[in-house]
Each structure stands twice: as structure tokens, then as C-alpha cells.
Amino acid sequence: MSEQGKVAGKAPIMQNLEKGKTYAWCTCGMSANQPWYDGSHKGSSFAPSMLKPEENRKAAMCTCKQSRNAPFCDGSHKTL
């Protein structure tokens, strides 16, 4: 996706991800349920990014929507 979402936050949100569970990460930055998708992008070119972890893990989920390692935080929020 070439278009970047709206900055929803300037820090990651830590989440416990469960093996085999499917997660929908918000790419547009408009979701009220950050970092997760809630349908707020409707009418835009955005779609959620689907994630299905292969193991239980704790992860820093991006909320600035500028990460080059989306849906995970890569520190891009530090330059905003």
C-alpha cells in the first residue's frame, strides 16, 4: 500500500498475541479500537492488514501507521 494512514498514536500498544488467532490491524488510523480494525476506513482505499501469529507472543503494535515493519512498531513514531 502506498498511502499511509492517519497517525493514531505516537507510541506502540503492547498486545499479547495468541497462536493461530486471526487479528485485523488497522491501516487507516481512524479506528477507535487501536491498534485493531473496526471498519472506520469504509469509503477509503484502506483495508485491514491480517495477522495470524505462529506462536504466542507479546508484540509492540504500531499506532502511528508509518512503520516499515507493519503491523509491528519499528520506532517510526519517534520522527513524527
N, C-alpha and C. Protein backbone atom coordinates (compact mmCIF):
# COMPACT_ATOMS: atom_id res chain seq x y z
N MET A 1 0.85 -1.17 0.00
CA MET A 1 0.00 0.00 0.00
C MET A 1 0.89 1.23 0.00
N SER A 2 0.64 2.15 -0.90
CA SER A 2 1.47 3.34 -1.00
C SER A 2 0.97 4.45 -0.09
N GLU A 3 -0.32 4.52 0.15
CA GLU A 3 -0.88 5.55 1.00
C GLU A 3 -0.70 5.16 2.47
N GLN A 4 -0.24 6.13 3.29
CA GLN A 4 -0.06 5.85 4.70
C GLN A 4 -1.26 6.37 5.47
N GLY A 5 -1.59 5.65 6.54
CA GLY A 5 -2.74 6.03 7.35
C GLY A 5 -2.48 7.24 8.22
N LYS A 6 -3.55 7.74 8.79
CA LYS A 6 -3.52 8.85 9.74
C LYS A 6 -2.78 8.40 10.99
N VAL A 7 -1.99 9.28 11.57
CA VAL A 7 -1.27 8.96 12.81
C VAL A 7 -2.31 8.85 13.93
N ALA A 8 -2.48 7.66 14.47
CA ALA A 8 -3.46 7.42 15.53
C ALA A 8 -2.82 7.54 16.90
N GLY A 9 -1.50 7.38 16.97
CA GLY A 9 -0.78 7.47 18.23
C GLY A 9 0.70 7.61 17.98
N LYS A 10 1.42 8.04 18.99
CA LYS A 10 2.87 8.23 18.84
C LYS A 10 3.65 7.30 19.75
N ALA A 11 3.05 6.16 20.04
CA ALA A 11 3.70 5.11 20.82
C ALA A 11 3.01 3.79 20.48
N PRO A 12 3.76 2.69 20.52
CA PRO A 12 3.13 1.41 20.23
C PRO A 12 2.20 0.98 21.37
N ILE A 13 1.33 0.05 21.08
CA ILE A 13 0.47 -0.56 22.09
C ILE A 13 0.91 -2.02 22.21
N MET A 14 1.29 -2.41 23.42
CA MET A 14 1.71 -3.79 23.65
C MET A 14 0.49 -4.70 23.69
N GLN A 15 0.58 -5.81 22.97
CA GLN A 15 -0.52 -6.76 22.89
C GLN A 15 0.00 -8.18 23.05
N ASN A 16 -0.78 -9.02 23.72
CA ASN A 16 -0.49 -10.45 23.80
C ASN A 16 -1.20 -11.11 22.63
N LEU A 17 -0.43 -11.64 21.71
CA LEU A 17 -0.99 -12.29 20.51
C LEU A 17 -1.02 -13.79 20.73
N GLU A 18 -2.14 -14.41 20.37
CA GLU A 18 -2.32 -15.84 20.56
C GLU A 18 -2.06 -16.61 19.28
N LYS A 19 -1.33 -17.69 19.40
CA LYS A 19 -1.03 -18.56 18.26
C LYS A 19 -2.32 -19.00 17.57
N GLY A 20 -2.34 -18.85 16.24
CA GLY A 20 -3.46 -19.32 15.44
C GLY A 20 -4.67 -18.40 15.39
N LYS A 21 -4.72 -17.38 16.24
CA LYS A 21 -5.85 -16.44 16.23
C LYS A 21 -5.62 -15.42 15.11
N THR A 22 -6.68 -15.02 14.43
CA THR A 22 -6.56 -14.04 13.35
C THR A 22 -6.88 -12.66 13.89
N TYR A 23 -5.97 -11.71 13.62
CA TYR A 23 -6.13 -10.32 14.04
C TYR A 23 -6.20 -9.44 12.81
N ALA A 24 -6.99 -8.37 12.89
CA ALA A 24 -7.11 -7.40 11.80
C ALA A 24 -6.56 -6.07 12.32
N TRP A 25 -5.37 -5.71 11.83
CA TRP A 25 -4.69 -4.47 12.25
C TRP A 25 -5.20 -3.31 11.41
N CYS A 26 -5.51 -2.20 12.06
CA CYS A 26 -5.99 -1.00 11.38
C CYS A 26 -4.85 -0.36 10.60
N THR A 27 -5.07 -0.12 9.32
CA THR A 27 -4.07 0.55 8.48
C THR A 27 -4.38 2.02 8.25
N CYS A 28 -5.65 2.42 8.47
CA CYS A 28 -6.07 3.79 8.14
C CYS A 28 -5.81 4.79 9.26
N GLY A 29 -5.71 4.31 10.50
CA GLY A 29 -5.50 5.19 11.64
C GLY A 29 -6.78 5.80 12.20
N MET A 30 -7.93 5.43 11.65
CA MET A 30 -9.20 6.03 12.09
C MET A 30 -9.97 5.16 13.08
N SER A 31 -9.53 3.93 13.31
CA SER A 31 -10.23 3.02 14.22
C SER A 31 -10.23 3.57 15.65
N ALA A 32 -11.35 3.44 16.33
CA ALA A 32 -11.45 3.83 17.74
C ALA A 32 -10.92 2.70 18.63
N ASN A 33 -10.59 1.57 18.03
CA ASN A 33 -10.14 0.39 18.76
C ASN A 33 -8.67 0.10 18.44
N GLN A 34 -7.81 1.11 18.44
CA GLN A 34 -6.40 0.94 18.09
C GLN A 34 -5.74 -0.12 18.95
N PRO A 35 -4.90 -0.96 18.37
CA PRO A 35 -4.40 -0.92 17.01
C PRO A 35 -5.25 -1.72 16.02
N TRP A 36 -6.41 -2.16 16.47
CA TRP A 36 -7.21 -3.09 15.68
C TRP A 36 -8.26 -2.40 14.81
N TYR A 37 -8.60 -3.04 13.74
CA TYR A 37 -9.58 -2.61 12.75
C TYR A 37 -10.99 -2.59 13.35
N ASP A 38 -11.77 -1.56 13.02
CA ASP A 38 -13.17 -1.51 13.44
C ASP A 38 -14.11 -1.08 12.31
N GLY A 39 -13.61 -1.03 11.07
CA GLY A 39 -14.45 -0.67 9.93
C GLY A 39 -14.47 0.82 9.61
N SER A 40 -13.73 1.63 10.35
CA SER A 40 -13.74 3.08 10.16
C SER A 40 -13.23 3.54 8.80
N HIS A 41 -12.50 2.68 8.10
CA HIS A 41 -11.91 3.06 6.80
C HIS A 41 -12.92 3.06 5.66
N LYS A 42 -14.12 2.60 5.90
CA LYS A 42 -15.10 2.46 4.81
C LYS A 42 -15.20 3.73 3.98
N GLY A 43 -15.18 3.56 2.67
CA GLY A 43 -15.21 4.69 1.75
C GLY A 43 -13.83 5.21 1.40
N SER A 44 -12.78 4.58 1.92
CA SER A 44 -11.40 4.97 1.61
C SER A 44 -10.72 3.83 0.86
N SER A 45 -9.46 4.02 0.53
CA SER A 45 -8.69 2.98 -0.18
C SER A 45 -8.04 1.99 0.79
N PHE A 46 -8.28 2.13 2.08
CA PHE A 46 -7.64 1.28 3.08
C PHE A 46 -8.40 -0.02 3.31
N ALA A 47 -7.67 -1.02 3.74
CA ALA A 47 -8.22 -2.31 4.16
C ALA A 47 -7.39 -2.78 5.34
N PRO A 48 -7.95 -3.58 6.23
CA PRO A 48 -7.16 -4.06 7.36
C PRO A 48 -6.04 -4.99 6.91
N SER A 49 -5.00 -5.05 7.72
CA SER A 49 -3.89 -5.97 7.49
C SER A 49 -4.11 -7.17 8.40
N MET A 50 -4.20 -8.36 7.82
CA MET A 50 -4.49 -9.55 8.60
C MET A 50 -3.20 -10.17 9.14
N LEU A 51 -3.28 -10.64 10.38
CA LEU A 51 -2.14 -11.21 11.09
C LEU A 51 -2.59 -12.48 11.79
N LYS A 52 -1.83 -13.56 11.62
CA LYS A 52 -2.12 -14.83 12.29
C LYS A 52 -0.80 -15.36 12.86
N PRO A 53 -0.51 -15.08 14.14
CA PRO A 53 0.77 -15.49 14.74
C PRO A 53 0.97 -17.01 14.73
N GLU A 54 2.22 -17.41 14.56
CA GLU A 54 2.56 -18.83 14.56
C GLU A 54 2.95 -19.31 15.96
N GLU A 55 2.99 -18.36 16.92
CA GLU A 55 3.29 -18.70 18.31
C GLU A 55 2.69 -17.62 19.20
N ASN A 56 2.45 -17.96 20.47
CA ASN A 56 2.01 -16.94 21.43
C ASN A 56 3.18 -15.98 21.63
N ARG A 57 2.88 -14.69 21.60
CA ARG A 57 3.94 -13.71 21.78
C ARG A 57 3.38 -12.37 22.21
N LYS A 58 4.23 -11.58 22.81
CA LYS A 58 3.89 -10.20 23.15
C LYS A 58 4.51 -9.35 22.06
N ALA A 59 3.74 -8.37 21.55
CA ALA A 59 4.24 -7.57 20.43
C ALA A 59 3.88 -6.10 20.62
N ALA A 60 4.78 -5.24 20.15
CA ALA A 60 4.54 -3.79 20.13
C ALA A 60 3.86 -3.47 18.80
N MET A 61 2.58 -3.18 18.87
CA MET A 61 1.78 -2.92 17.66
C MET A 61 1.84 -1.44 17.32
N CYS A 62 2.11 -1.14 16.06
CA CYS A 62 2.22 0.23 15.58
C CYS A 62 0.88 0.96 15.65
N THR A 63 0.90 2.20 16.13
CA THR A 63 -0.30 3.05 16.10
C THR A 63 -0.07 4.30 15.25
N CYS A 64 1.18 4.56 14.88
CA CYS A 64 1.44 5.77 14.07
C CYS A 64 1.17 5.52 12.59
N LYS A 65 1.07 4.25 12.20
CA LYS A 65 0.76 3.83 10.83
C LYS A 65 1.85 4.20 9.83
N GLN A 66 3.06 4.48 10.32
CA GLN A 66 4.18 4.83 9.46
C GLN A 66 5.27 3.75 9.46
N SER A 67 5.11 2.70 10.26
CA SER A 67 6.12 1.65 10.40
C SER A 67 6.42 0.96 9.08
N ARG A 68 7.68 0.69 8.85
CA ARG A 68 8.08 -0.09 7.67
C ARG A 68 8.04 -1.58 7.98
N ASN A 69 7.67 -1.90 9.23
CA ASN A 69 7.56 -3.29 9.67
C ASN A 69 6.13 -3.57 10.15
N ALA A 70 5.17 -2.89 9.55
CA ALA A 70 3.77 -3.02 9.96
C ALA A 70 3.31 -4.47 9.92
N PRO A 71 2.53 -4.87 10.89
CA PRO A 71 1.81 -4.09 11.87
C PRO A 71 2.61 -3.81 13.15
N PHE A 72 3.87 -4.19 13.14
CA PHE A 72 4.69 -4.03 14.34
C PHE A 72 5.42 -2.68 14.33
N CYS A 73 5.64 -2.16 15.51
CA CYS A 73 6.35 -0.89 15.66
C CYS A 73 7.80 -1.04 15.28
N ASP A 74 8.32 -0.07 14.53
CA ASP A 74 9.75 -0.03 14.18
C ASP A 74 10.40 1.26 14.68
N GLY A 75 9.70 2.03 15.50
CA GLY A 75 10.23 3.27 16.04
C GLY A 75 9.96 4.49 15.17
N SER A 76 9.23 4.33 14.07
CA SER A 76 8.96 5.46 13.17
C SER A 76 8.27 6.62 13.87
N HIS A 77 7.50 6.32 14.93
CA HIS A 77 6.78 7.37 15.64
C HIS A 77 7.73 8.40 16.27
N LYS A 78 8.97 8.02 16.49
CA LYS A 78 9.94 8.93 17.11
C LYS A 78 10.31 10.11 16.20
N THR A 79 10.01 9.98 14.91
CA THR A 79 10.36 11.05 13.96
C THR A 79 9.16 11.94 13.64
N LEU A 80 8.03 11.69 14.27
CA LEU A 80 6.81 12.48 13.98
C LEU A 80 6.73 13.72 14.84
